Amino acid sequence: MHEPALPPNRARTAVREIVATGPAGPATPRWTSSTVTAVRCPFCRENDDKVVDSRVGEDGAAIRRRRECLTCGRRFTTYERVDEHGLVVVKRDGTREPFDREKLRDGLERAASGRLDEHALDALASEIEEQLRAAGGEVGSDRIGVTVLEHLRGLDHVAYLRFASVYKGFEDLADFEREVVELQKTTEPKRRLPN
């Protein structure tokens, strides 16, 4: 099987495997130097699988692999991305931690539960991550929250309000009402048809 190459403009630091989560929890990769040899099945937790399909995904930023567990026979998807070291999140209390794309993706998923499909969530997480990386090596957690709100505002108002309620710490109905009024002010008005 032909393995897709990463784009030449990507740094070749380390590669991480991000996998689908099953009922038994997230799958865990097994490494041999810089190559993943097997991934723990998210269904039965065994380390015995084979790759049945590999494709370039996320506009060349990742490799999507379909795997089949040789123990239980179930299939799952993994994504291989370049782990670009360097983006650090500065939290409100001043502590620093490495940027975690999955944490961003999980927050988006909670806000957009039942509103956006998996593909839209992955694309949104990738777009936000690229925008943050373009800004430089350090980014404040408040900047991440504002960036997410900006993207959700144009995509889905309910998801926007869900995220805003947690990010801005809404305490009562008045907070929601205020945000809805602001949301209505900043959205484009409906166009009237010519007479």
N, C-alpha and C. Protein backbone atom coordinates (compact mmCIF):
# COMPACT_ATOMS: atom_id res chain seq x y z
N MET A 1 0.85 -1.18 0.00
CA MET A 1 0.00 0.00 0.00
C MET A 1 0.89 1.23 0.00
N HIS A 2 0.56 2.21 -0.80
CA HIS A 2 1.33 3.44 -0.90
C HIS A 2 1.01 4.35 0.28
N GLU A 3 2.04 4.83 0.98
CA GLU A 3 1.85 5.74 2.11
C GLU A 3 1.91 7.17 1.61
N PRO A 4 0.89 8.00 1.86
CA PRO A 4 0.92 9.38 1.42
C PRO A 4 2.01 10.15 2.14
N ALA A 5 2.68 11.02 1.43
CA ALA A 5 3.74 11.83 2.01
C ALA A 5 3.16 13.10 2.60
N LEU A 6 3.82 13.60 3.65
CA LEU A 6 3.40 14.87 4.22
C LEU A 6 3.88 16.00 3.30
N PRO A 7 3.18 17.12 3.29
CA PRO A 7 3.59 18.23 2.45
C PRO A 7 5.01 18.67 2.78
N PRO A 8 5.80 19.09 1.78
CA PRO A 8 7.19 19.45 2.02
C PRO A 8 7.36 20.64 2.94
N ASN A 9 6.36 21.51 3.07
CA ASN A 9 6.50 22.69 3.91
C ASN A 9 6.24 22.40 5.38
N ARG A 10 5.90 21.18 5.74
CA ARG A 10 5.64 20.82 7.13
C ARG A 10 6.95 20.43 7.81
N ALA A 11 7.07 20.85 9.07
CA ALA A 11 8.25 20.47 9.84
C ALA A 11 8.20 18.97 10.12
N ARG A 12 9.34 18.32 10.10
CA ARG A 12 9.38 16.87 10.34
C ARG A 12 9.92 16.60 11.74
N THR A 13 9.28 17.18 12.73
CA THR A 13 9.73 16.99 14.10
C THR A 13 9.29 15.64 14.62
N ALA A 14 8.07 15.52 15.01
CA ALA A 14 7.55 14.25 15.52
C ALA A 14 6.18 14.05 14.91
N VAL A 15 5.74 12.83 14.90
CA VAL A 15 4.41 12.54 14.37
C VAL A 15 3.60 11.90 15.48
N ARG A 16 2.38 12.36 15.66
CA ARG A 16 1.52 11.77 16.69
C ARG A 16 0.32 11.14 16.02
N GLU A 17 -0.22 10.15 16.64
CA GLU A 17 -1.40 9.45 16.13
C GLU A 17 -2.57 9.86 17.01
N ILE A 18 -3.61 10.40 16.42
CA ILE A 18 -4.81 10.77 17.14
C ILE A 18 -5.90 9.83 16.67
N VAL A 19 -6.57 9.19 17.59
CA VAL A 19 -7.46 8.11 17.19
C VAL A 19 -8.89 8.35 17.64
N ALA A 20 -9.77 7.60 17.04
CA ALA A 20 -11.18 7.65 17.42
C ALA A 20 -11.34 7.05 18.80
N THR A 21 -12.33 7.52 19.53
CA THR A 21 -12.60 7.00 20.86
C THR A 21 -13.75 6.01 20.77
N GLY A 22 -13.58 4.87 21.38
CA GLY A 22 -14.62 3.85 21.40
C GLY A 22 -15.15 3.70 22.81
N PRO A 23 -15.99 2.71 23.03
CA PRO A 23 -16.59 2.50 24.34
C PRO A 23 -15.57 2.18 25.43
N ALA A 24 -14.42 1.66 25.04
CA ALA A 24 -13.40 1.31 26.03
C ALA A 24 -12.44 2.48 26.27
N GLY A 25 -12.72 3.65 25.68
CA GLY A 25 -11.85 4.81 25.86
C GLY A 25 -11.00 5.04 24.63
N PRO A 26 -10.09 6.03 24.69
CA PRO A 26 -9.27 6.34 23.53
C PRO A 26 -8.27 5.23 23.24
N ALA A 27 -7.99 5.04 21.97
CA ALA A 27 -6.98 4.06 21.58
C ALA A 27 -5.60 4.63 21.88
N THR A 28 -4.64 3.77 22.08
CA THR A 28 -3.29 4.19 22.43
C THR A 28 -2.31 3.69 21.39
N PRO A 29 -1.45 4.58 20.84
CA PRO A 29 -0.49 4.12 19.84
C PRO A 29 0.70 3.40 20.46
N ARG A 30 1.29 2.46 19.73
CA ARG A 30 2.54 1.81 20.12
C ARG A 30 3.59 2.29 19.13
N TRP A 31 4.71 2.79 19.64
CA TRP A 31 5.73 3.43 18.80
C TRP A 31 6.95 2.55 18.62
N THR A 32 7.56 2.65 17.45
CA THR A 32 8.88 2.11 17.20
C THR A 32 9.64 3.26 16.55
N SER A 33 10.58 3.84 17.24
CA SER A 33 11.26 5.09 16.87
C SER A 33 10.20 6.13 16.53
N SER A 34 10.03 6.53 15.27
CA SER A 34 9.03 7.55 14.94
C SER A 34 7.88 6.96 14.13
N THR A 35 7.73 5.65 14.14
CA THR A 35 6.68 5.00 13.36
C THR A 35 5.70 4.30 14.29
N VAL A 36 4.42 4.47 14.04
CA VAL A 36 3.41 3.77 14.81
C VAL A 36 3.26 2.39 14.21
N THR A 37 3.48 1.33 15.02
CA THR A 37 3.38 -0.03 14.51
C THR A 37 2.00 -0.63 14.75
N ALA A 38 1.36 -0.22 15.83
CA ALA A 38 0.01 -0.71 16.14
C ALA A 38 -0.67 0.30 17.04
N VAL A 39 -1.97 0.30 17.00
CA VAL A 39 -2.76 1.20 17.83
C VAL A 39 -3.74 0.34 18.61
N ARG A 40 -3.87 0.62 19.89
CA ARG A 40 -4.80 -0.13 20.72
C ARG A 40 -6.22 0.13 20.23
N CYS A 41 -6.95 -0.93 20.01
CA CYS A 41 -8.33 -0.85 19.52
C CYS A 41 -9.19 -0.14 20.55
N PRO A 42 -9.97 0.87 20.13
CA PRO A 42 -10.83 1.57 21.09
C PRO A 42 -12.02 0.73 21.56
N PHE A 43 -12.25 -0.43 20.92
CA PHE A 43 -13.39 -1.28 21.28
C PHE A 43 -12.98 -2.40 22.22
N CYS A 44 -11.93 -3.16 21.87
CA CYS A 44 -11.54 -4.31 22.70
C CYS A 44 -10.21 -4.10 23.43
N ARG A 45 -9.51 -2.99 23.15
CA ARG A 45 -8.26 -2.59 23.81
C ARG A 45 -7.06 -3.45 23.47
N GLU A 46 -7.14 -4.26 22.42
CA GLU A 46 -6.00 -5.07 21.98
C GLU A 46 -5.10 -4.25 21.06
N ASN A 47 -3.80 -4.62 21.01
CA ASN A 47 -2.82 -3.90 20.18
C ASN A 47 -2.56 -4.59 18.86
N ASP A 48 -3.49 -5.33 18.34
CA ASP A 48 -3.28 -6.10 17.13
C ASP A 48 -4.21 -5.58 16.03
N ASP A 49 -3.66 -4.78 15.10
CA ASP A 49 -4.49 -4.23 14.04
C ASP A 49 -3.70 -4.15 12.74
N LYS A 50 -4.41 -3.87 11.66
CA LYS A 50 -3.75 -3.64 10.38
C LYS A 50 -4.39 -2.43 9.72
N VAL A 51 -3.60 -1.71 8.92
CA VAL A 51 -4.09 -0.56 8.18
C VAL A 51 -4.72 -1.08 6.89
N VAL A 52 -5.99 -0.72 6.66
CA VAL A 52 -6.68 -1.18 5.46
C VAL A 52 -6.80 -0.08 4.41
N ASP A 53 -6.60 1.19 4.80
CA ASP A 53 -6.67 2.29 3.85
C ASP A 53 -5.96 3.51 4.43
N SER A 54 -5.20 4.22 3.61
CA SER A 54 -4.54 5.46 4.01
C SER A 54 -4.83 6.53 2.97
N ARG A 55 -5.17 7.72 3.44
CA ARG A 55 -5.45 8.84 2.54
C ARG A 55 -4.97 10.12 3.16
N VAL A 56 -4.64 11.08 2.33
CA VAL A 56 -4.31 12.41 2.81
C VAL A 56 -5.62 13.08 3.20
N GLY A 57 -5.63 13.73 4.35
CA GLY A 57 -6.84 14.39 4.83
C GLY A 57 -6.55 15.79 5.30
N GLU A 58 -7.60 16.53 5.61
CA GLU A 58 -7.50 17.89 6.13
C GLU A 58 -6.59 18.75 5.28
N ASP A 59 -6.81 18.72 3.99
CA ASP A 59 -6.04 19.53 3.03
C ASP A 59 -4.54 19.31 3.14
N GLY A 60 -4.13 18.07 3.33
CA GLY A 60 -2.72 17.73 3.38
C GLY A 60 -2.08 17.87 4.75
N ALA A 61 -2.84 18.26 5.75
CA ALA A 61 -2.28 18.45 7.09
C ALA A 61 -2.27 17.17 7.91
N ALA A 62 -2.90 16.11 7.41
CA ALA A 62 -2.97 14.86 8.18
C ALA A 62 -3.09 13.68 7.22
N ILE A 63 -2.80 12.51 7.76
CA ILE A 63 -3.02 11.27 7.03
C ILE A 63 -4.10 10.51 7.78
N ARG A 64 -5.16 10.18 7.06
CA ARG A 64 -6.29 9.44 7.65
C ARG A 64 -6.07 7.97 7.36
N ARG A 65 -6.10 7.16 8.40
CA ARG A 65 -5.91 5.72 8.23
C ARG A 65 -7.12 4.96 8.77
N ARG A 66 -7.65 4.05 7.97
CA ARG A 66 -8.69 3.12 8.43
C ARG A 66 -7.96 1.88 8.90
N ARG A 67 -8.24 1.45 10.11
CA ARG A 67 -7.60 0.29 10.69
C ARG A 67 -8.65 -0.76 11.02
N GLU A 68 -8.22 -2.01 10.98
CA GLU A 68 -9.09 -3.12 11.37
C GLU A 68 -8.40 -3.89 12.48
N CYS A 69 -9.13 -4.07 13.58
CA CYS A 69 -8.60 -4.84 14.70
C CYS A 69 -8.61 -6.31 14.30
N LEU A 70 -7.48 -6.98 14.46
CA LEU A 70 -7.38 -8.39 14.10
C LEU A 70 -7.97 -9.29 15.18
N THR A 71 -8.27 -8.73 16.35
CA THR A 71 -8.86 -9.51 17.42
C THR A 71 -10.39 -9.51 17.34
N CYS A 72 -10.99 -8.31 17.30
CA CYS A 72 -12.47 -8.23 17.31
C CYS A 72 -13.06 -7.97 15.93
N GLY A 73 -12.24 -7.59 14.95
CA GLY A 73 -12.71 -7.37 13.59
C GLY A 73 -13.35 -6.02 13.33
N ARG A 74 -13.44 -5.16 14.34
CA ARG A 74 -14.07 -3.85 14.15
C ARG A 74 -13.07 -2.88 13.53
N ARG A 75 -13.60 -1.89 12.83
CA ARG A 75 -12.76 -0.89 12.17
C ARG A 75 -12.86 0.44 12.88
N PHE A 76 -11.76 1.20 12.82
CA PHE A 76 -11.73 2.53 13.41
C PHE A 76 -10.78 3.40 12.59
N THR A 77 -10.88 4.70 12.78
CA THR A 77 -10.09 5.66 12.01
C THR A 77 -9.08 6.33 12.91
N THR A 78 -7.87 6.52 12.39
CA THR A 78 -6.85 7.30 13.10
C THR A 78 -6.39 8.41 12.17
N TYR A 79 -5.87 9.48 12.76
CA TYR A 79 -5.32 10.60 11.99
C TYR A 79 -3.89 10.81 12.46
N GLU A 80 -3.00 10.92 11.51
CA GLU A 80 -1.60 11.16 11.81
C GLU A 80 -1.27 12.58 11.38
N ARG A 81 -0.76 13.37 12.33
CA ARG A 81 -0.43 14.77 12.07
C ARG A 81 0.98 15.06 12.53
N VAL A 82 1.59 16.07 11.94
CA VAL A 82 2.87 16.54 12.41
C VAL A 82 2.63 17.25 13.73
N ASP A 83 3.41 16.89 14.73
CA ASP A 83 3.29 17.53 16.03
C ASP A 83 4.22 18.73 16.02
N GLU A 84 3.66 19.87 15.73
CA GLU A 84 4.45 21.09 15.61
C GLU A 84 4.65 21.70 16.98
N HIS A 85 5.81 21.43 17.55
CA HIS A 85 6.11 21.98 18.87
C HIS A 85 6.23 23.49 18.75
N GLY A 86 5.90 24.16 19.80
CA GLY A 86 6.11 25.59 19.79
C GLY A 86 4.91 26.42 20.18
N LEU A 87 3.70 25.95 19.93
CA LEU A 87 2.54 26.75 20.31
C LEU A 87 2.24 26.49 21.78
N VAL A 88 2.33 27.54 22.56
CA VAL A 88 2.13 27.45 24.00
C VAL A 88 0.93 28.31 24.38
N VAL A 89 0.08 27.77 25.23
CA VAL A 89 -1.10 28.49 25.71
C VAL A 89 -0.76 29.11 27.06
N VAL A 90 -0.98 30.43 27.16
CA VAL A 90 -0.79 31.13 28.43
C VAL A 90 -2.17 31.26 29.06
N LYS A 91 -2.36 30.57 30.18
CA LYS A 91 -3.66 30.56 30.85
C LYS A 91 -3.87 31.84 31.65
N ARG A 92 -5.09 32.04 32.11
CA ARG A 92 -5.44 33.27 32.83
C ARG A 92 -4.60 33.47 34.09
N ASP A 93 -4.20 32.37 34.74
CA ASP A 93 -3.40 32.48 35.97
C ASP A 93 -1.91 32.62 35.68
N GLY A 94 -1.54 32.70 34.40
CA GLY A 94 -0.14 32.89 34.02
C GLY A 94 0.63 31.62 33.73
N THR A 95 0.05 30.45 34.04
CA THR A 95 0.74 29.20 33.75
C THR A 95 0.73 28.95 32.25
N ARG A 96 1.71 28.18 31.81
CA ARG A 96 1.85 27.86 30.39
C ARG A 96 1.74 26.35 30.20
N GLU A 97 1.09 25.98 29.08
CA GLU A 97 1.00 24.57 28.74
C GLU A 97 0.98 24.45 27.22
N PRO A 98 1.43 23.31 26.69
CA PRO A 98 1.42 23.12 25.24
C PRO A 98 -0.01 23.12 24.70
N PHE A 99 -0.18 23.66 23.51
CA PHE A 99 -1.48 23.67 22.86
C PHE A 99 -1.94 22.24 22.64
N ASP A 100 -3.21 21.97 22.94
CA ASP A 100 -3.78 20.63 22.80
C ASP A 100 -4.97 20.72 21.85
N ARG A 101 -4.78 20.26 20.62
CA ARG A 101 -5.83 20.33 19.60
C ARG A 101 -7.06 19.55 20.03
N GLU A 102 -6.87 18.42 20.68
CA GLU A 102 -8.01 17.61 21.11
C GLU A 102 -8.85 18.33 22.16
N LYS A 103 -8.22 19.14 23.00
CA LYS A 103 -8.97 19.91 23.98
C LYS A 103 -9.85 20.94 23.26
N LEU A 104 -9.30 21.58 22.24
CA LEU A 104 -10.07 22.51 21.42
C LEU A 104 -11.22 21.78 20.73
N ARG A 105 -10.93 20.65 20.14
CA ARG A 105 -11.94 19.86 19.41
C ARG A 105 -13.06 19.42 20.36
N ASP A 106 -12.71 19.00 21.58
CA ASP A 106 -13.70 18.57 22.56
C ASP A 106 -14.62 19.72 22.96
N GLY A 107 -14.05 20.92 23.15
CA GLY A 107 -14.85 22.09 23.48
C GLY A 107 -15.82 22.44 22.37
N LEU A 108 -15.35 22.35 21.14
CA LEU A 108 -16.22 22.61 19.99
C LEU A 108 -17.33 21.57 19.91
N GLU A 109 -16.97 20.32 20.17
CA GLU A 109 -17.96 19.25 20.11
C GLU A 109 -19.06 19.43 21.17
N ARG A 110 -18.68 19.83 22.37
CA ARG A 110 -19.68 20.06 23.41
C ARG A 110 -20.60 21.22 23.03
N ALA A 111 -20.03 22.29 22.48
CA ALA A 111 -20.84 23.46 22.11
C ALA A 111 -21.76 23.16 20.94
N ALA A 112 -21.29 22.34 19.99
CA ALA A 112 -22.05 22.09 18.76
C ALA A 112 -22.74 20.73 18.77
N SER A 113 -22.91 20.14 19.92
CA SER A 113 -23.52 18.82 20.02
C SER A 113 -24.88 18.80 19.33
N GLY A 114 -25.01 17.92 18.34
CA GLY A 114 -26.25 17.80 17.59
C GLY A 114 -26.45 18.88 16.54
N ARG A 115 -25.50 19.77 16.39
CA ARG A 115 -25.64 20.89 15.47
C ARG A 115 -24.72 20.77 14.25
N LEU A 116 -23.50 20.31 14.47
CA LEU A 116 -22.50 20.20 13.40
C LEU A 116 -22.00 18.77 13.32
N ASP A 117 -21.71 18.29 12.11
CA ASP A 117 -21.22 16.92 11.97
C ASP A 117 -19.72 16.84 12.25
N GLU A 118 -19.20 15.62 12.33
CA GLU A 118 -17.79 15.39 12.66
C GLU A 118 -16.84 16.10 11.70
N HIS A 119 -17.17 16.04 10.41
CA HIS A 119 -16.31 16.66 9.39
C HIS A 119 -16.23 18.17 9.61
N ALA A 120 -17.38 18.80 9.88
CA ALA A 120 -17.40 20.25 10.11
C ALA A 120 -16.62 20.62 11.37
N LEU A 121 -16.72 19.79 12.41
CA LEU A 121 -15.98 20.05 13.65
C LEU A 121 -14.48 19.92 13.43
N ASP A 122 -14.06 18.89 12.70
CA ASP A 122 -12.63 18.71 12.41
C ASP A 122 -12.10 19.88 11.59
N ALA A 123 -12.86 20.29 10.58
CA ALA A 123 -12.44 21.41 9.73
C ALA A 123 -12.34 22.70 10.54
N LEU A 124 -13.31 22.93 11.43
CA LEU A 124 -13.30 24.12 12.27
C LEU A 124 -12.11 24.11 13.23
N ALA A 125 -11.85 22.97 13.86
CA ALA A 125 -10.71 22.86 14.77
C ALA A 125 -9.40 23.11 14.02
N SER A 126 -9.27 22.57 12.82
CA SER A 126 -8.05 22.78 12.02
C SER A 126 -7.89 24.24 11.64
N GLU A 127 -8.98 24.88 11.24
CA GLU A 127 -8.94 26.29 10.85
C GLU A 127 -8.53 27.17 12.02
N ILE A 128 -9.11 26.92 13.19
CA ILE A 128 -8.77 27.70 14.38
C ILE A 128 -7.32 27.46 14.78
N GLU A 129 -6.88 26.19 14.75
CA GLU A 129 -5.49 25.89 15.11
C GLU A 129 -4.52 26.59 14.17
N GLU A 130 -4.78 26.56 12.87
CA GLU A 130 -3.90 27.23 11.90
C GLU A 130 -3.85 28.73 12.17
N GLN A 131 -4.99 29.33 12.47
CA GLN A 131 -5.03 30.77 12.75
C GLN A 131 -4.21 31.09 14.00
N LEU A 132 -4.31 30.25 15.03
CA LEU A 132 -3.54 30.48 16.26
C LEU A 132 -2.04 30.30 16.02
N ARG A 133 -1.68 29.27 15.26
CA ARG A 133 -0.25 29.04 14.97
C ARG A 133 0.34 30.18 14.16
N ALA A 134 -0.46 30.75 13.27
CA ALA A 134 0.02 31.86 12.45
C ALA A 134 0.30 33.10 13.30
N ALA A 135 -0.38 33.20 14.45
CA ALA A 135 -0.21 34.36 15.33
C ALA A 135 1.12 34.33 16.09
N GLY A 136 1.75 33.17 16.20
CA GLY A 136 3.04 33.11 16.89
C GLY A 136 3.15 31.97 17.86
N GLY A 137 4.25 31.94 18.62
CA GLY A 137 4.58 30.84 19.50
C GLY A 137 3.77 30.76 20.77
N GLU A 138 3.25 31.90 21.25
CA GLU A 138 2.45 31.90 22.47
C GLU A 138 1.12 32.55 22.18
N VAL A 139 0.09 31.98 22.78
CA VAL A 139 -1.26 32.53 22.60
C VAL A 139 -1.99 32.44 23.94
N GLY A 140 -2.69 33.50 24.28
CA GLY A 140 -3.44 33.52 25.52
C GLY A 140 -4.70 32.68 25.41
N SER A 141 -5.11 32.08 26.52
CA SER A 141 -6.33 31.27 26.49
C SER A 141 -7.53 32.14 26.14
N ASP A 142 -7.49 33.42 26.51
CA ASP A 142 -8.58 34.32 26.14
C ASP A 142 -8.64 34.52 24.63
N ARG A 143 -7.49 34.54 23.96
CA ARG A 143 -7.46 34.68 22.50
C ARG A 143 -8.06 33.44 21.84
N ILE A 144 -7.82 32.28 22.41
CA ILE A 144 -8.41 31.05 21.87
C ILE A 144 -9.92 31.12 21.99
N GLY A 145 -10.42 31.53 23.15
CA GLY A 145 -11.87 31.63 23.36
C GLY A 145 -12.52 32.62 22.40
N VAL A 146 -11.90 33.77 22.21
CA VAL A 146 -12.45 34.78 21.30
C VAL A 146 -12.43 34.26 19.86
N THR A 147 -11.37 33.58 19.48
CA THR A 147 -11.27 33.02 18.12
C THR A 147 -12.36 31.99 17.88
N VAL A 148 -12.60 31.12 18.86
CA VAL A 148 -13.67 30.13 18.74
C VAL A 148 -15.02 30.83 18.60
N LEU A 149 -15.26 31.85 19.42
CA LEU A 149 -16.53 32.58 19.34
C LEU A 149 -16.71 33.24 17.98
N GLU A 150 -15.64 33.82 17.45
CA GLU A 150 -15.73 34.46 16.13
C GLU A 150 -16.13 33.45 15.05
N HIS A 151 -15.55 32.27 15.11
CA HIS A 151 -15.87 31.25 14.11
C HIS A 151 -17.29 30.70 14.29
N LEU A 152 -17.67 30.44 15.55
CA LEU A 152 -19.01 29.90 15.79
C LEU A 152 -20.11 30.90 15.47
N ARG A 153 -19.83 32.19 15.67
CA ARG A 153 -20.84 33.22 15.38
C ARG A 153 -21.30 33.14 13.93
N GLY A 154 -20.38 32.92 13.01
CA GLY A 154 -20.74 32.84 11.60
C GLY A 154 -21.24 31.48 11.17
N LEU A 155 -21.08 30.50 12.03
CA LEU A 155 -21.42 29.12 11.66
C LEU A 155 -22.75 28.65 12.24
N ASP A 156 -22.95 28.84 13.55
CA ASP A 156 -24.16 28.34 14.19
C ASP A 156 -24.40 29.13 15.48
N HIS A 157 -25.52 29.84 15.55
CA HIS A 157 -25.79 30.71 16.70
C HIS A 157 -26.04 29.94 17.99
N VAL A 158 -26.66 28.79 17.91
CA VAL A 158 -26.89 27.99 19.12
C VAL A 158 -25.56 27.50 19.69
N ALA A 159 -24.69 26.99 18.83
CA ALA A 159 -23.37 26.55 19.28
C ALA A 159 -22.59 27.73 19.86
N TYR A 160 -22.72 28.89 19.23
CA TYR A 160 -22.08 30.10 19.74
C TYR A 160 -22.54 30.39 21.17
N LEU A 161 -23.87 30.37 21.38
CA LEU A 161 -24.41 30.68 22.72
C LEU A 161 -23.98 29.64 23.76
N ARG A 162 -23.93 28.38 23.36
CA ARG A 162 -23.48 27.34 24.29
C ARG A 162 -22.04 27.60 24.71
N PHE A 163 -21.18 27.87 23.72
CA PHE A 163 -19.77 28.11 24.04
C PHE A 163 -19.62 29.39 24.86
N ALA A 164 -20.33 30.45 24.46
CA ALA A 164 -20.24 31.73 25.17
C ALA A 164 -20.69 31.58 26.62
N SER A 165 -21.69 30.75 26.86
CA SER A 165 -22.19 30.60 28.24
C SER A 165 -21.13 30.03 29.17
N VAL A 166 -20.29 29.16 28.66
CA VAL A 166 -19.21 28.60 29.48
C VAL A 166 -18.02 29.54 29.51
N TYR A 167 -17.62 30.02 28.32
CA TYR A 167 -16.44 30.89 28.22
C TYR A 167 -16.61 32.18 29.01
N LYS A 168 -17.80 32.77 28.91
CA LYS A 168 -18.05 34.05 29.59
C LYS A 168 -18.66 33.87 30.99
N GLY A 169 -18.92 32.63 31.39
CA GLY A 169 -19.41 32.34 32.73
C GLY A 169 -20.80 32.88 33.01
N PHE A 170 -21.74 32.62 32.12
CA PHE A 170 -23.12 33.08 32.34
C PHE A 170 -23.64 32.53 33.65
N GLU A 171 -24.35 33.39 34.39
CA GLU A 171 -24.88 32.97 35.69
C GLU A 171 -26.39 32.94 35.74
N ASP A 172 -27.06 33.67 34.84
CA ASP A 172 -28.52 33.67 34.85
C ASP A 172 -29.06 33.96 33.46
N LEU A 173 -30.38 33.98 33.35
CA LEU A 173 -31.05 34.18 32.08
C LEU A 173 -30.70 35.53 31.46
N ALA A 174 -30.50 36.55 32.29
CA ALA A 174 -30.18 37.88 31.79
C ALA A 174 -28.88 37.87 30.98
N ASP A 175 -27.92 37.04 31.37
CA ASP A 175 -26.67 36.93 30.61
C ASP A 175 -26.94 36.39 29.21
N PHE A 176 -27.80 35.38 29.11
CA PHE A 176 -28.17 34.84 27.81
C PHE A 176 -28.89 35.89 26.97
N GLU A 177 -29.84 36.58 27.59
CA GLU A 177 -30.60 37.60 26.86
C GLU A 177 -29.69 38.69 26.31
N ARG A 178 -28.75 39.16 27.13
CA ARG A 178 -27.78 40.18 26.69
C ARG A 178 -26.97 39.68 25.49
N GLU A 179 -26.54 38.43 25.57
CA GLU A 179 -25.71 37.88 24.48
C GLU A 179 -26.53 37.71 23.20
N VAL A 180 -27.78 37.31 23.33
CA VAL A 180 -28.64 37.17 22.15
C VAL A 180 -28.83 38.53 21.48
N VAL A 181 -29.04 39.58 22.28
CA VAL A 181 -29.19 40.93 21.72
C VAL A 181 -27.92 41.33 20.98
N GLU A 182 -26.76 41.06 21.58
CA GLU A 182 -25.49 41.38 20.92
C GLU A 182 -25.32 40.58 19.63
N LEU A 183 -25.71 39.33 19.69
CA LEU A 183 -25.59 38.45 18.52
C LEU A 183 -26.48 38.96 17.39
N GLN A 184 -27.66 39.41 17.71
CA GLN A 184 -28.56 39.93 16.69
C GLN A 184 -28.05 41.24 16.11
N LYS A 185 -27.39 42.07 16.90
CA LYS A 185 -26.83 43.33 16.41
C LYS A 185 -25.70 43.10 15.43
N THR A 186 -24.91 42.07 15.66
CA THR A 186 -23.70 41.88 14.87
C THR A 186 -23.89 40.98 13.67
N THR A 187 -25.07 40.38 13.53
CA THR A 187 -25.29 39.55 12.36
C THR A 187 -25.86 40.41 11.24
N GLU A 188 -25.61 39.99 10.03
CA GLU A 188 -26.05 40.74 8.87
C GLU A 188 -27.57 40.73 8.79
N PRO A 189 -28.19 41.91 8.56
CA PRO A 189 -29.65 41.93 8.46
C PRO A 189 -30.13 41.20 7.21
N LYS A 190 -31.37 40.73 7.28
CA LYS A 190 -31.94 40.07 6.12
C LYS A 190 -32.15 41.08 5.01
N ARG A 191 -31.90 40.65 3.81
CA ARG A 191 -32.04 41.55 2.65
C ARG A 191 -33.48 41.56 2.17
N ARG A 192 -33.92 42.73 1.81
CA ARG A 192 -35.26 42.86 1.25
C ARG A 192 -35.21 42.64 -0.25
N LEU A 193 -36.23 42.03 -0.75
CA LEU A 193 -36.31 41.83 -2.19
C LEU A 193 -36.74 43.14 -2.84
N PRO A 194 -36.17 43.44 -4.02
CA PRO A 194 -36.56 44.68 -4.72
C PRO A 194 -38.03 44.60 -5.13
N ASN A 195 -38.69 45.75 -5.11
CA ASN A 195 -40.12 45.82 -5.49
C ASN A 195 -40.34 45.58 -6.95
